Each structure stands twice: as structure tokens, then as C-alpha cells.
Amino acid sequence: MPESAPSGLSDNGAGALAYITFIPAILFLVMPPYNQSPYVRFHSWQSIFFNIGAFALYVVLAILGRIPFLGLLVIPLMLVLDLGLFILWLVVVLKAVNGQRFMIPIIGALAETQASK
């Protein structure tokens, strides 16, 4: 008799999936059994804060880009920011898949506080 496959995602899979967008992160915070796992809660909160921070940076740079001559400096800065955020996102996803809690500076502490509530 073959063994039945376990239902649902592992904590590592759910933690990594939380970084895809903020939608799975929010779902994991409200859906049992994921909302009882401190590991999944941490990665969900960190994903939400990461997305909020990235959005805020883009808004600030978009506003600065409208200023004459300053826009010429903002375009290369946005490209570097895109690359940096992508690399950081890749690191946190890979760490989550491997079962590690990689704390992004400032954001990680906020996520840890929220996950422990």
C-alpha cells in the first residue's frame, strides 16, 4: 500500500512562497495551520515589510525623478536599486527554502516582533 502524500506545504515551502508577493504572505497569516508556525509568520511579516519598503523607495525616487536634471541621476540609481532588491529577494527566498531565518536589517526585527505576537 503506497503512503499517502502529506497535505499542505512544508514550513520551508510556505516561508519561501510568502516572498512571491504580499498576497500569499497575508494568506499565510490568516490560514491555519500556517498562522501557528512562528517560522512562516516571520517570513510572511518580513515579506510584507519588504514589499512596503520597496514600494516606498520607488515612490520617493519617482518623485525625485520629476525634478529637472535630478532625474538624470535617479534613473541609474533606480537600476542599481532594482538589482539590489532582486538580489536581496533571491537571498531571502533561498534562505527560507533552506529553513533559515535571514533577517533583513530593520525589517527583520519588525518581522520578528510581529511573528512573536
Protein backbone atom coordinates (compact mmCIF):
# COMPACT_ATOMS: atom_id res chain seq x y z
CA MET A 1 0.00 0.00 0.00
CA PRO A 2 1.61 3.34 -1.02
CA GLU A 3 1.99 6.02 1.60
CA SER A 4 -0.32 8.98 1.24
CA ALA A 5 1.33 12.28 0.49
CA PRO A 6 1.16 14.84 3.30
CA SER A 7 -1.30 17.61 2.62
CA GLY A 8 -0.26 21.23 2.53
CA LEU A 9 3.11 22.90 2.27
CA SER A 10 6.10 22.45 4.50
CA ASP A 11 7.08 25.41 6.64
CA ASN A 12 10.11 25.97 4.40
CA GLY A 13 7.95 25.98 1.27
CA ALA A 14 5.38 28.30 2.82
CA GLY A 15 8.10 30.64 4.08
CA ALA A 16 9.63 30.88 0.59
CA LEU A 17 6.24 31.23 -1.10
CA ALA A 18 5.43 34.18 1.16
CA TYR A 19 8.06 36.21 -0.70
CA ILE A 20 6.45 35.80 -4.14
CA THR A 21 4.14 38.74 -3.47
CA PHE A 22 2.47 40.06 -0.38
CA ILE A 23 -0.76 38.14 -1.15
CA PRO A 24 0.49 34.67 -0.11
CA ALA A 25 2.12 36.31 2.92
CA ILE A 26 -1.23 37.72 4.04
CA LEU A 27 -2.97 34.41 3.36
CA PHE A 28 -0.41 32.53 5.46
CA LEU A 29 -1.04 34.92 8.36
CA VAL A 30 -4.75 34.09 8.42
CA MET A 31 -4.88 30.44 7.30
CA PRO A 32 -4.35 27.62 9.75
CA PRO A 33 -2.01 25.72 10.21
CA TYR A 34 0.43 28.25 8.72
CA ASN A 35 -0.60 31.05 11.06
CA GLN A 36 0.51 28.95 14.05
CA SER A 37 4.05 28.44 12.75
CA PRO A 38 6.47 31.12 14.02
CA TYR A 39 8.73 30.37 11.03
CA VAL A 40 6.01 31.03 8.45
CA ARG A 41 4.73 34.05 10.37
CA PHE A 42 8.23 35.56 10.44
CA HIS A 43 8.75 35.17 6.70
CA SER A 44 5.24 36.42 5.95
CA TRP A 45 5.74 39.57 8.00
CA GLN A 46 9.21 40.14 6.58
CA SER A 47 7.80 39.80 3.06
CA ILE A 48 5.07 42.33 3.78
CA PHE A 49 7.52 44.85 5.26
CA PHE A 50 9.98 44.25 2.40
CA ASN A 51 7.28 44.98 -0.19
CA ILE A 52 6.13 48.10 1.65
CA GLY A 53 9.73 49.36 1.91
CA ALA A 54 10.46 48.69 -1.77
CA PHE A 55 7.26 50.46 -2.79
CA ALA A 56 8.10 53.47 -0.63
CA LEU A 57 11.59 53.69 -2.16
CA TYR A 58 10.13 53.60 -5.66
CA VAL A 59 7.63 56.35 -4.83
CA VAL A 60 10.36 58.61 -3.42
CA LEU A 61 12.62 58.01 -6.43
CA ALA A 62 9.73 58.59 -8.85
CA ILE A 63 9.04 61.95 -7.20
CA LEU A 64 12.73 62.90 -7.25
CA GLY A 65 12.92 61.82 -10.90
CA ARG A 66 10.45 64.56 -11.83
CA ILE A 67 12.85 67.28 -10.71
CA PRO A 68 14.76 68.64 -13.72
CA PHE A 69 18.36 67.42 -14.01
CA LEU A 70 17.95 65.33 -10.87
CA GLY A 71 16.06 62.81 -12.96
CA LEU A 72 19.26 62.03 -14.82
CA LEU A 73 20.78 60.80 -11.55
CA VAL A 74 17.68 58.95 -10.43
CA ILE A 75 17.49 56.66 -13.48
CA PRO A 76 20.83 54.91 -12.80
CA LEU A 77 20.01 54.87 -9.09
CA MET A 78 16.73 53.06 -9.82
CA LEU A 79 18.57 50.47 -11.90
CA VAL A 80 21.01 49.80 -9.06
CA LEU A 81 18.11 49.68 -6.60
CA ASP A 82 16.28 47.16 -8.81
CA LEU A 83 19.32 44.92 -8.95
CA GLY A 84 19.95 45.21 -5.21
CA LEU A 85 16.35 44.46 -4.27
CA PHE A 86 16.27 41.49 -6.64
CA ILE A 87 19.45 40.04 -5.12
CA LEU A 88 18.10 40.61 -1.58
CA TRP A 89 14.79 38.97 -2.57
CA LEU A 90 16.64 35.99 -4.03
CA VAL A 91 18.70 35.61 -0.84
CA VAL A 92 15.67 35.63 1.45
CA VAL A 93 13.79 33.13 -0.73
CA LEU A 94 16.75 30.74 -0.82
CA LYS A 95 17.30 31.09 2.93
CA ALA A 96 13.60 30.40 3.58
CA VAL A 97 13.66 27.29 1.37
CA ASN A 98 16.68 26.03 3.33
CA GLY A 99 14.98 26.59 6.69
CA GLN A 100 16.99 29.61 7.80
CA ARG A 101 15.77 32.91 9.21
CA PHE A 102 17.68 35.58 7.35
CA MET A 103 16.84 38.90 8.95
CA ILE A 104 16.90 41.93 6.69
CA PRO A 105 18.26 44.86 8.73
CA ILE A 106 15.47 46.84 10.46
CA ILE A 107 12.74 44.91 8.63
CA GLY A 108 13.79 41.60 10.18
CA ALA A 109 13.46 42.97 13.71
CA LEU A 110 9.97 44.29 12.95
CA ALA A 111 9.00 40.94 11.44
CA GLU A 112 10.36 39.07 14.46
CA THR A 113 8.33 41.27 16.78
CA GLN A 114 5.13 40.73 14.79
CA ALA A 115 5.71 36.99 14.40
CA SER A 116 6.11 36.51 18.16
CA LYS A 117 2.73 38.09 18.95
